[in-house]
PDB file of N, CA and C in Angstrom:
ATOM      1  N   MET A   1      41.441 297.092 278.772  1.00  0.00           N
ATOM      2  CA  MET A   1      40.507 297.478 279.686  1.00  0.00           C
ATOM      3  C   MET A   1      39.268 298.393 278.927  1.00  0.00           C
ATOM      4  N   ILE A   2      39.713 299.075 277.938  1.00  0.00           N
ATOM      5  CA  ILE A   2      38.968 299.989 277.538  1.00  0.00           C
ATOM      6  C   ILE A   2      37.683 299.078 276.829  1.00  0.00           C
ATOM      7  N   GLU A   3      37.967 297.972 276.148  1.00  0.00           N
ATOM      8  CA  GLU A   3      36.814 297.187 275.393  1.00  0.00           C
ATOM      9  C   GLU A   3      36.077 296.828 276.568  1.00  0.00           C
ATOM     10  N   LEU A   4      36.420 296.534 277.780  1.00  0.00           N
ATOM     11  CA  LEU A   4      35.430 295.925 278.815  1.00  0.00           C
ATOM     12  C   LEU A   4      34.850 297.343 279.237  1.00  0.00           C
ATOM     13  N   LEU A   5      35.099 298.587 279.429  1.00  0.00           N
ATOM     14  CA  LEU A   5      34.217 299.688 279.688  1.00  0.00           C
ATOM     15  C   LEU A   5      33.341 300.002 278.822  1.00  0.00           C
ATOM     16  N   LEU A   6      33.586 299.528 277.536  1.00  0.00           N
ATOM     17  CA  LEU A   6      32.641 300.090 276.366  1.00  0.00           C
ATOM     18  C   LEU A   6      31.592 299.015 276.342  1.00  0.00           C
ATOM     19  N   GLN A   7      31.849 297.811 276.779  1.00  0.00           N
ATOM     20  CA  GLN A   7      31.014 296.714 276.861  1.00  0.00           C
ATOM     21  C   GLN A   7      30.026 297.041 278.015  1.00  0.00           C
ATOM     22  N   ALA A   8      30.670 297.268 279.354  1.00  0.00           N
ATOM     23  CA  ALA A   8      29.584 297.764 280.236  1.00  0.00           C
ATOM     24  C   ALA A   8      28.815 298.776 280.050  1.00  0.00           C
ATOM     25  N   ASP A   9      29.415 299.953 279.370  1.00  0.00           N
ATOM     26  CA  ASP A   9      28.458 301.231 278.923  1.00  0.00           C
ATOM     27  C   ASP A   9      27.388 300.631 278.096  1.00  0.00           C
ATOM     28  N   ARG A  10      27.516 299.915 277.078  1.00  0.00           N
ATOM     29  CA  ARG A  10      26.612 299.035 276.378  1.00  0.00           C
ATOM     30  C   ARG A  10      25.517 298.515 277.141  1.00  0.00           C
ATOM     31  N   LEU A  11      26.057 297.501 278.015  1.00  0.00           N
ATOM     32  CA  LEU A  11      25.065 296.926 279.048  1.00  0.00           C
ATOM     33  C   LEU A  11      24.443 297.525 279.510  1.00  0.00           C
ATOM     34  N   LEU A  12      25.026 298.735 280.453  1.00  0.00           N
ATOM     35  CA  LEU A  12      24.134 299.877 281.064  1.00  0.00           C
ATOM     36  C   LEU A  12      22.955 300.448 280.283  1.00  0.00           C
ATOM     37  N   THR A  13      23.559 300.845 278.882  1.00  0.00           N
ATOM     38  CA  THR A  13      22.511 301.590 277.976  1.00  0.00           C
ATOM     39  C   THR A  13      21.173 300.648 277.891  1.00  0.00           C
ATOM     40  N   VAL A  14      21.320 299.574 278.006  1.00  0.00           N
ATOM     41  CA  VAL A  14      20.174 298.568 277.609  1.00  0.00           C
ATOM     42  C   VAL A  14      19.554 298.099 278.806  1.00  0.00           C
ATOM     43  N   GLY A  15      19.747 298.409 279.972  1.00  0.00           N
ATOM     44  CA  GLY A  15      19.076 298.267 281.288  1.00  0.00           C
ATOM     45  C   GLY A  15      19.717 296.947 281.955  1.00  0.00           C
ATOM     46  N   LEU A  16      20.920 296.432 281.442  1.00  0.00           N
ATOM     47  CA  LEU A  16      21.361 295.320 282.014  1.00  0.00           C
ATOM     48  C   LEU A  16      22.415 295.640 283.271  1.00  0.00           C
ATOM     49  N   THR A  17      21.692 296.374 284.277  1.00  0.00           N
ATOM     50  CA  THR A  17      22.722 296.748 285.156  1.00  0.00           C
ATOM     51  C   THR A  17      23.359 296.046 285.813  1.00  0.00           C
ATOM     52  N   ASP A  18      23.029 295.204 286.579  1.00  0.00           N
ATOM     53  CA  ASP A  18      24.130 294.002 286.985  1.00  0.00           C
ATOM     54  C   ASP A  18      25.070 293.486 286.517  1.00  0.00           C
ATOM     55  N   GLN A  19      24.865 293.152 285.076  1.00  0.00           N
ATOM     56  CA  GLN A  19      26.205 292.753 284.545  1.00  0.00           C
ATOM     57  C   GLN A  19      27.105 293.929 284.113  1.00  0.00           C
ATOM     58  N   ALA A  20      26.517 295.166 283.927  1.00  0.00           N
ATOM     59  CA  ALA A  20      27.361 296.205 283.582  1.00  0.00           C
ATOM     60  C   ALA A  20      28.253 296.488 284.896  1.00  0.00           C
ATOM     61  N   ASP A  21      27.529 296.227 286.257  1.00  0.00           N
ATOM     62  CA  ASP A  21      28.182 296.616 287.277  1.00  0.00           C
ATOM     63  C   ASP A  21      29.283 295.664 287.542  1.00  0.00           C
ATOM     64  N   ALA A  22      28.950 294.612 287.276  1.00  0.00           N
ATOM     65  CA  ALA A  22      30.123 293.723 287.428  1.00  0.00           C
ATOM     66  C   ALA A  22      31.121 293.773 286.842  1.00  0.00           C
ATOM     67  N   ILE A  23      31.100 294.199 285.659  1.00  0.00           N
ATOM     68  CA  ILE A  23      32.275 294.572 284.577  1.00  0.00           C
ATOM     69  C   ILE A  23      33.093 295.858 285.158  1.00  0.00           C
ATOM     70  N   TYR A  24      32.187 296.795 285.645  1.00  0.00           N
ATOM     71  CA  TYR A  24      33.146 298.017 286.297  1.00  0.00           C
ATOM     72  C   TYR A  24      33.764 297.599 287.446  1.00  0.00           C
ATOM     73  N   ARG A  25      33.151 296.843 288.030  1.00  0.00           N
ATOM     74  CA  ARG A  25      33.891 296.403 289.460  1.00  0.00           C
ATOM     75  C   ARG A  25      35.107 295.619 289.154  1.00  0.00           C
ATOM     76  N   ARG A  26      35.091 294.840 288.290  1.00  0.00           N
ATOM     77  CA  ARG A  26      36.109 293.970 287.750  1.00  0.00           C
ATOM     78  C   ARG A  26      37.047 295.064 287.409  1.00  0.00           C
ATOM     79  N   VAL A  27      37.163 295.996 286.467  1.00  0.00           N
ATOM     80  CA  VAL A  27      37.816 296.983 285.925  1.00  0.00           C
ATOM     81  C   VAL A  27      38.508 297.520 287.197  1.00  0.00           C
ATOM     82  N   ALA A  28      37.772 297.975 287.873  1.00  0.00           N
ATOM     83  CA  ALA A  28      38.213 298.661 289.141  1.00  0.00           C
ATOM     84  C   ALA A  28      39.331 297.925 290.256  1.00  0.00           C
ATOM     85  N   GLU A  29      38.737 296.695 290.483  1.00  0.00           N
ATOM     86  CA  GLU A  29      39.646 295.918 291.073  1.00  0.00           C
ATOM     87  C   GLU A  29      40.940 295.948 290.588  1.00  0.00           C
ATOM     88  N   GLN A  30      40.951 295.714 288.971  1.00  0.00           N
ATOM     89  CA  GLN A  30      42.272 295.610 288.532  1.00  0.00           C
ATOM     90  C   GLN A  30      43.017 296.657 288.571  1.00  0.00           C
ATOM     91  N   ASP A  31      42.333 297.568 288.526  1.00  0.00           N
ATOM     92  CA  ASP A  31      42.904 299.081 288.233  1.00  0.00           C
ATOM     93  C   ASP A  31      42.230 300.336 289.194  1.00  0.00           C
ATOM     94  N   PRO A  32      42.540 300.222 290.525  1.00  0.00           N
ATOM     95  CA  PRO A  32      41.582 300.979 291.624  1.00  0.00           C
ATOM     96  C   PRO A  32      41.866 302.616 291.221  1.00  0.00           C
ATOM     97  N   ARG A  33      42.768 303.067 290.429  1.00  0.00           N
ATOM     98  CA  ARG A  33      43.029 304.246 290.010  1.00  0.00           C
ATOM     99  C   ARG A  33      41.880 304.760 288.906  1.00  0.00           C
ATOM    100  N   ASN A  34      41.237 303.502 288.269  1.00  0.00           N
ATOM    101  CA  ASN A  34      40.691 304.004 286.960  1.00  0.00           C
ATOM    102  C   ASN A  34      39.124 304.563 287.488  1.00  0.00           C
ATOM    103  N   ALA A  35      39.117 305.911 287.289  1.00  0.00           N
ATOM    104  CA  ALA A  35      37.755 306.684 287.630  1.00  0.00           C
ATOM    105  C   ALA A  35      36.660 306.433 286.774  1.00  0.00           C
ATOM    106  N   ILE A  36      36.836 305.960 285.501  1.00  0.00           N
ATOM    107  CA  ILE A  36      35.666 305.844 284.680  1.00  0.00           C
ATOM    108  C   ILE A  36      35.318 304.575 285.089  1.00  0.00           C
ATOM    109  N   ALA A  37      35.699 303.647 285.462  1.00  0.00           N
ATOM    110  CA  ALA A  37      35.190 302.352 286.102  1.00  0.00           C
ATOM    111  C   ALA A  37      34.484 302.987 287.325  1.00  0.00           C
ATOM    112  N   VAL A  38      34.825 303.640 288.264  1.00  0.00           N
ATOM    113  CA  VAL A  38      34.276 304.110 289.167  1.00  0.00           C
ATOM    114  C   VAL A  38      32.919 305.139 289.230  1.00  0.00           C
ATOM    115  N   VAL A  39      32.847 305.802 288.002  1.00  0.00           N
ATOM    116  CA  VAL A  39      31.830 306.702 287.594  1.00  0.00           C
ATOM    117  C   VAL A  39      30.840 305.666 286.968  1.00  0.00           C
ATOM    118  N   GLY A  40      31.486 304.482 286.433  1.00  0.00           N
ATOM    119  CA  GLY A  40      30.537 303.384 285.821  1.00  0.00           C
ATOM    120  C   GLY A  40      29.718 302.892 286.901  1.00  0.00           C
ATOM    121  N   MET A  41      30.466 302.678 288.179  1.00  0.00           N
ATOM    122  CA  MET A  41      29.696 302.044 288.917  1.00  0.00           C
ATOM    123  C   MET A  41      28.644 303.003 289.821  1.00  0.00           C
ATOM    124  N   ALA A  42      29.175 304.149 289.908  1.00  0.00           N
ATOM    125  CA  ALA A  42      27.978 305.168 290.275  1.00  0.00           C
ATOM    126  C   ALA A  42      26.730 305.028 289.517  1.00  0.00           C
ATOM    127  N   ARG A  43      26.933 305.015 288.043  1.00  0.00           N
ATOM    128  CA  ARG A  43      25.936 305.074 287.354  1.00  0.00           C
ATOM    129  C   ARG A  43      24.989 304.095 287.579  1.00  0.00           C
ATOM    130  N   CYS A  44      25.644 302.554 287.885  1.00  0.00           N
ATOM    131  CA  CYS A  44      24.790 301.551 287.970  1.00  0.00           C
ATOM    132  C   CYS A  44      23.798 302.070 289.399  1.00  0.00           C
ATOM    133  N   ALA A  45      24.673 302.347 290.283  1.00  0.00           N
ATOM    134  CA  ALA A  45      23.821 302.692 291.684  1.00  0.00           C
ATOM    135  C   ALA A  45      22.656 303.531 291.377  1.00  0.00           C
ATOM    136  N   LEU A  46      22.849 304.510 290.402  1.00  0.00           N
ATOM    137  CA  LEU A  46      21.845 305.577 290.245  1.00  0.00           C
ATOM    138  C   LEU A  46      20.742 304.860 289.699  1.00  0.00           C
ATOM    139  N   ALA A  47      21.251 303.743 288.259  1.00  0.00           N
ATOM    140  CA  ALA A  47      19.972 303.137 287.942  1.00  0.00           C
ATOM    141  C   ALA A  47      19.261 302.350 288.739  1.00  0.00           C
ATOM    142  N   ARG A  48      19.631 302.039 289.730  1.00  0.00           N
ATOM    143  CA  ARG A  48      19.251 301.036 291.157  1.00  0.00           C
ATOM    144  C   ARG A  48      18.540 302.187 292.029  1.00  0.00           C
ATOM    145  N   GLU A  49      18.745 303.319 291.673  1.00  0.00           N
ATOM    146  CA  GLU A  49      18.195 304.264 292.341  1.00  0.00           C
ATOM    147  C   GLU A  49      18.547 304.285 293.983  1.00  0.00           C
ATOM    148  N   ASP A  50      20.047 303.872 294.074  1.00  0.00           N
ATOM    149  CA  ASP A  50      20.865 303.847 295.337  1.00  0.00           C
ATOM    150  C   ASP A  50      21.466 305.181 295.183  1.00  0.00           C
ATOM    151  N   ASP A  51      20.822 306.463 295.837  1.00  0.00           N
ATOM    152  CA  ASP A  51      21.226 307.602 295.858  1.00  0.00           C
ATOM    153  C   ASP A  51      22.404 307.923 296.478  1.00  0.00           C
ATOM    154  N   HIS A  52      22.539 307.265 297.643  1.00  0.00           N
ATOM    155  CA  HIS A  52      23.748 307.481 298.384  1.00  0.00           C
ATOM    156  C   HIS A  52      25.035 306.796 297.920  1.00  0.00           C
ATOM    157  N   GLU A  53      24.716 305.678 297.295  1.00  0.00           N
ATOM    158  CA  GLU A  53      25.840 304.920 296.607  1.00  0.00           C
ATOM    159  C   GLU A  53      26.367 305.592 295.684  1.00  0.00           C
ATOM    160  N   ALA A  54      25.376 306.077 294.621  1.00  0.00           N
ATOM    161  CA  ALA A  54      25.987 306.978 293.379  1.00  0.00           C
ATOM    162  C   ALA A  54      26.864 308.155 293.932  1.00  0.00           C
ATOM    163  N   TYR A  55      26.460 308.512 295.094  1.00  0.00           N
ATOM    164  CA  TYR A  55      27.115 310.021 295.596  1.00  0.00           C
ATOM    165  C   TYR A  55      28.482 309.516 296.123  1.00  0.00           C
ATOM    166  N   ARG A  56      28.548 308.544 296.726  1.00  0.00           N
ATOM    167  CA  ARG A  56      29.873 308.099 297.410  1.00  0.00           C
ATOM    168  C   ARG A  56      30.793 307.640 296.157  1.00  0.00           C
ATOM    169  N   LEU A  57      30.284 306.878 295.210  1.00  0.00           N
ATOM    170  CA  LEU A  57      31.107 306.430 294.284  1.00  0.00           C
ATOM    171  C   LEU A  57      31.523 307.558 293.326  1.00  0.00           C
ATOM    172  N   ALA A  58      30.591 308.525 293.315  1.00  0.00           N
ATOM    173  CA  ALA A  58      31.012 309.728 292.205  1.00  0.00           C
ATOM    174  C   ALA A  58      32.103 310.618 293.067  1.00  0.00           C
ATOM    175  N   ARG A  59      32.108 310.704 294.263  1.00  0.00           N
ATOM    176  CA  ARG A  59      32.989 311.450 295.185  1.00  0.00           C
ATOM    177  C   ARG A  59      34.562 310.539 295.233  1.00  0.00           C
ATOM    178  N   ARG A  60      34.322 309.452 295.315  1.00  0.00           N
ATOM    179  CA  ARG A  60      35.482 308.369 295.016  1.00  0.00           C
ATOM    180  C   ARG A  60      36.124 308.702 293.704  1.00  0.00           C
ATOM    181  N   ALA A  61      35.380 308.872 292.599  1.00  0.00           N
ATOM    182  CA  ALA A  61      36.041 309.264 291.456  1.00  0.00           C
ATOM    183  C   ALA A  61      36.602 310.452 291.426  1.00  0.00           C
ATOM    184  N   LEU A  62      35.983 311.192 291.938  1.00  0.00           N
ATOM    185  CA  LEU A  62      36.564 312.554 291.854  1.00  0.00           C
ATOM    186  C   LEU A  62      37.819 312.774 292.433  1.00  0.00           C
ATOM    187  N   GLU A  63      38.159 311.841 293.774  1.00  0.00           N
ATOM    188  CA  GLU A  63      39.422 311.810 294.539  1.00  0.00           C
ATOM    189  C   GLU A  63      40.562 311.312 293.612  1.00  0.00           C
ATOM    190  N   ILE A  64      40.003 310.268 292.771  1.00  0.00           N
ATOM    191  CA  ILE A  64      40.896 309.811 291.794  1.00  0.00           C
ATOM    192  C   ILE A  64      41.241 310.587 290.636  1.00  0.00           C
ATOM    193  N   ASP A  65      40.302 311.174 290.062  1.00  0.00           N
ATOM    194  CA  ASP A  65      40.185 312.113 289.040  1.00  0.00           C
ATOM    195  C   ASP A  65      39.505 313.508 289.292  1.00  0.00           C
ATOM    196  N   PRO A  66      39.964 314.436 289.705  1.00  0.00           N
ATOM    197  CA  PRO A  66      39.346 315.747 289.883  1.00  0.00           C
ATOM    198  C   PRO A  66      39.100 316.406 288.653  1.00  0.00           C
ATOM    199  N   GLN A  67      39.664 315.991 287.453  1.00  0.00           N
ATOM    200  CA  GLN A  67      39.170 316.455 286.366  1.00  0.00           C
ATOM    201  C   GLN A  67      38.241 315.861 285.460  1.00  0.00           C
ATOM    202  N   ASN A  68      37.484 314.729 286.187  1.00  0.00           N
ATOM    203  CA  ASN A  68      36.681 313.827 285.506  1.00  0.00           C
ATOM    204  C   ASN A  68      35.246 314.574 285.454  1.00  0.00           C
ATOM    205  N   GLU A  69      34.780 315.005 284.415  1.00  0.00           N
ATOM    206  CA  GLU A  69      33.610 316.002 284.211  1.00  0.00           C
ATOM    207  C   GLU A  69      32.369 315.184 284.734  1.00  0.00           C
ATOM    208  N   LEU A  70      32.278 314.068 284.428  1.00  0.00           N
ATOM    209  CA  LEU A  70      31.163 313.131 284.392  1.00  0.00           C
ATOM    210  C   LEU A  70      30.962 313.109 286.196  1.00  0.00           C
ATOM    211  N   ALA A  71      31.855 312.618 286.733  1.00  0.00           N
ATOM    212  CA  ALA A  71      32.204 312.649 288.124  1.00  0.00           C
ATOM    213  C   ALA A  71      31.735 313.815 288.784  1.00  0.00           C
ATOM    214  N   ARG A  72      32.046 314.804 288.250  1.00  0.00           N
ATOM    215  CA  ARG A  72      31.852 316.004 288.923  1.00  0.00           C
ATOM    216  C   ARG A  72      30.307 316.614 288.966  1.00  0.00           C
ATOM    217  N   ARG A  73      29.799 316.473 287.678  1.00  0.00           N
ATOM    218  CA  ARG A  73      28.596 316.679 287.333  1.00  0.00           C
ATOM    219  C   ARG A  73      27.601 315.651 288.318  1.00  0.00           C
ATOM    220  N   MET A  74      28.118 314.226 288.273  1.00  0.00           N
ATOM    221  CA  MET A  74      27.006 313.371 289.108  1.00  0.00           C
ATOM    222  C   MET A  74      27.276 313.718 290.596  1.00  0.00           C
ATOM    223  N   GLU A  75      28.269 314.286 291.040  1.00  0.00           N
ATOM    224  CA  GLU A  75      28.447 314.531 292.409  1.00  0.00           C
ATOM    225  C   GLU A  75      27.872 315.624 292.771  1.00  0.00           C
ATOM    226  N   ALA A  76      27.794 316.413 291.968  1.00  0.00           N
ATOM    227  CA  ALA A  76      27.015 317.836 292.285  1.00  0.00           C
ATOM    228  C   ALA A  76      25.561 317.815 292.430  1.00  0.00           C
ATOM    229  N   ARG A  77      24.998 317.080 291.596  1.00  0.00           N
ATOM    230  CA  ARG A  77      23.596 316.601 291.184  1.00  0.00           C
ATOM    231  C   ARG A  77      23.300 315.634 292.343  1.00  0.00           C
ATOM    232  N   MET A  78      23.980 314.680 292.791  1.00  0.00           N
ATOM    233  CA  MET A  78      23.597 313.889 294.002  1.00  0.00           C
ATOM    234  C   MET A  78      23.491 314.654 295.266  1.00  0.00           C
ATOM    235  N   HIS A  79      24.582 315.694 295.248  1.00  0.00           N
ATOM    236  CA  HIS A  79      24.696 316.322 296.524  1.00  0.00           C
ATOM    237  C   HIS A  79      23.585 317.229 296.523  1.00  0.00           C
ATOM    238  N   GLU A  80      22.957 317.970 295.502  1.00  0.00           N
ATOM    239  CA  GLU A  80      22.031 318.760 295.345  1.00  0.00           C
ATOM    240  C   GLU A  80      20.558 317.859 295.940  1.00  0.00           C
ATOM    241  N   VAL A  81      20.407 316.574 295.452  1.00  0.00           N
ATOM    242  CA  VAL A  81      19.283 315.888 295.799  1.00  0.00           C
ATOM    243  C   VAL A  81      19.214 315.323 297.197  1.00  0.00           C
ATOM    244  N   LEU A  82      20.386 314.913 297.572  1.00  0.00           N
ATOM    245  CA  LEU A  82      20.219 314.225 298.842  1.00  0.00           C
ATOM    246  C   LEU A  82      20.114 315.753 299.675  1.00  0.00           C
ATOM    247  N   THR A  83      20.374 316.879 299.591  1.00  0.00           N
ATOM    248  CA  THR A  83      20.435 318.082 300.446  1.00  0.00           C
ATOM    249  C   THR A  83      18.930 318.345 300.573  1.00  0.00           C
ATOM    250  N   ALA A  84      18.332 318.695 299.219  1.00  0.00           N
ATOM    251  CA  ALA A  84      16.829 318.724 299.235  1.00  0.00           C
ATOM    252  C   ALA A  84      16.126 317.691 299.851  1.00  0.00           C
ATOM    253  N   ARG A  85      16.630 316.619 300.060  1.00  0.00           N
ATOM    254  CA  ARG A  85      15.701 315.604 300.903  1.00  0.00           C
ATOM    255  C   ARG A  85      16.077 315.801 302.574  1.00  0.00           C
ATOM    256  N   GLY A  86      17.096 316.510 302.706  1.00  0.00           N
ATOM    257  CA  GLY A  86      17.510 316.678 304.157  1.00  0.00           C
ATOM    258  C   GLY A  86      18.358 315.524 304.732  1.00  0.00           C
ATOM    259  N   GLU A  87      19.239 314.808 303.658  1.00  0.00           N
ATOM    260  CA  GLU A  87      19.992 313.625 303.976  1.00  0.00           C
ATOM    261  C   GLU A  87      21.291 314.004 304.032  1.00  0.00           C
TER     262      GLU A  87
END
């Protein structure tokens, strides 16, 4: 699965968000406790400017792995953004 996650990361880096998201989702379906895949899905949502979904997914990743620093930072930032907008 690590190879798939690396491939998805590369795709997201070059702006192929839909393809990256499909891989992250496939990994998350195969391993629902894979916080890295869920964070990847959150990053894809953020790339699509879907702040609510990015926040939801970051929170889900933290439920899976409370020590995931990327999920923690993303959740905090999205909370800040949504709060500032009054959402």
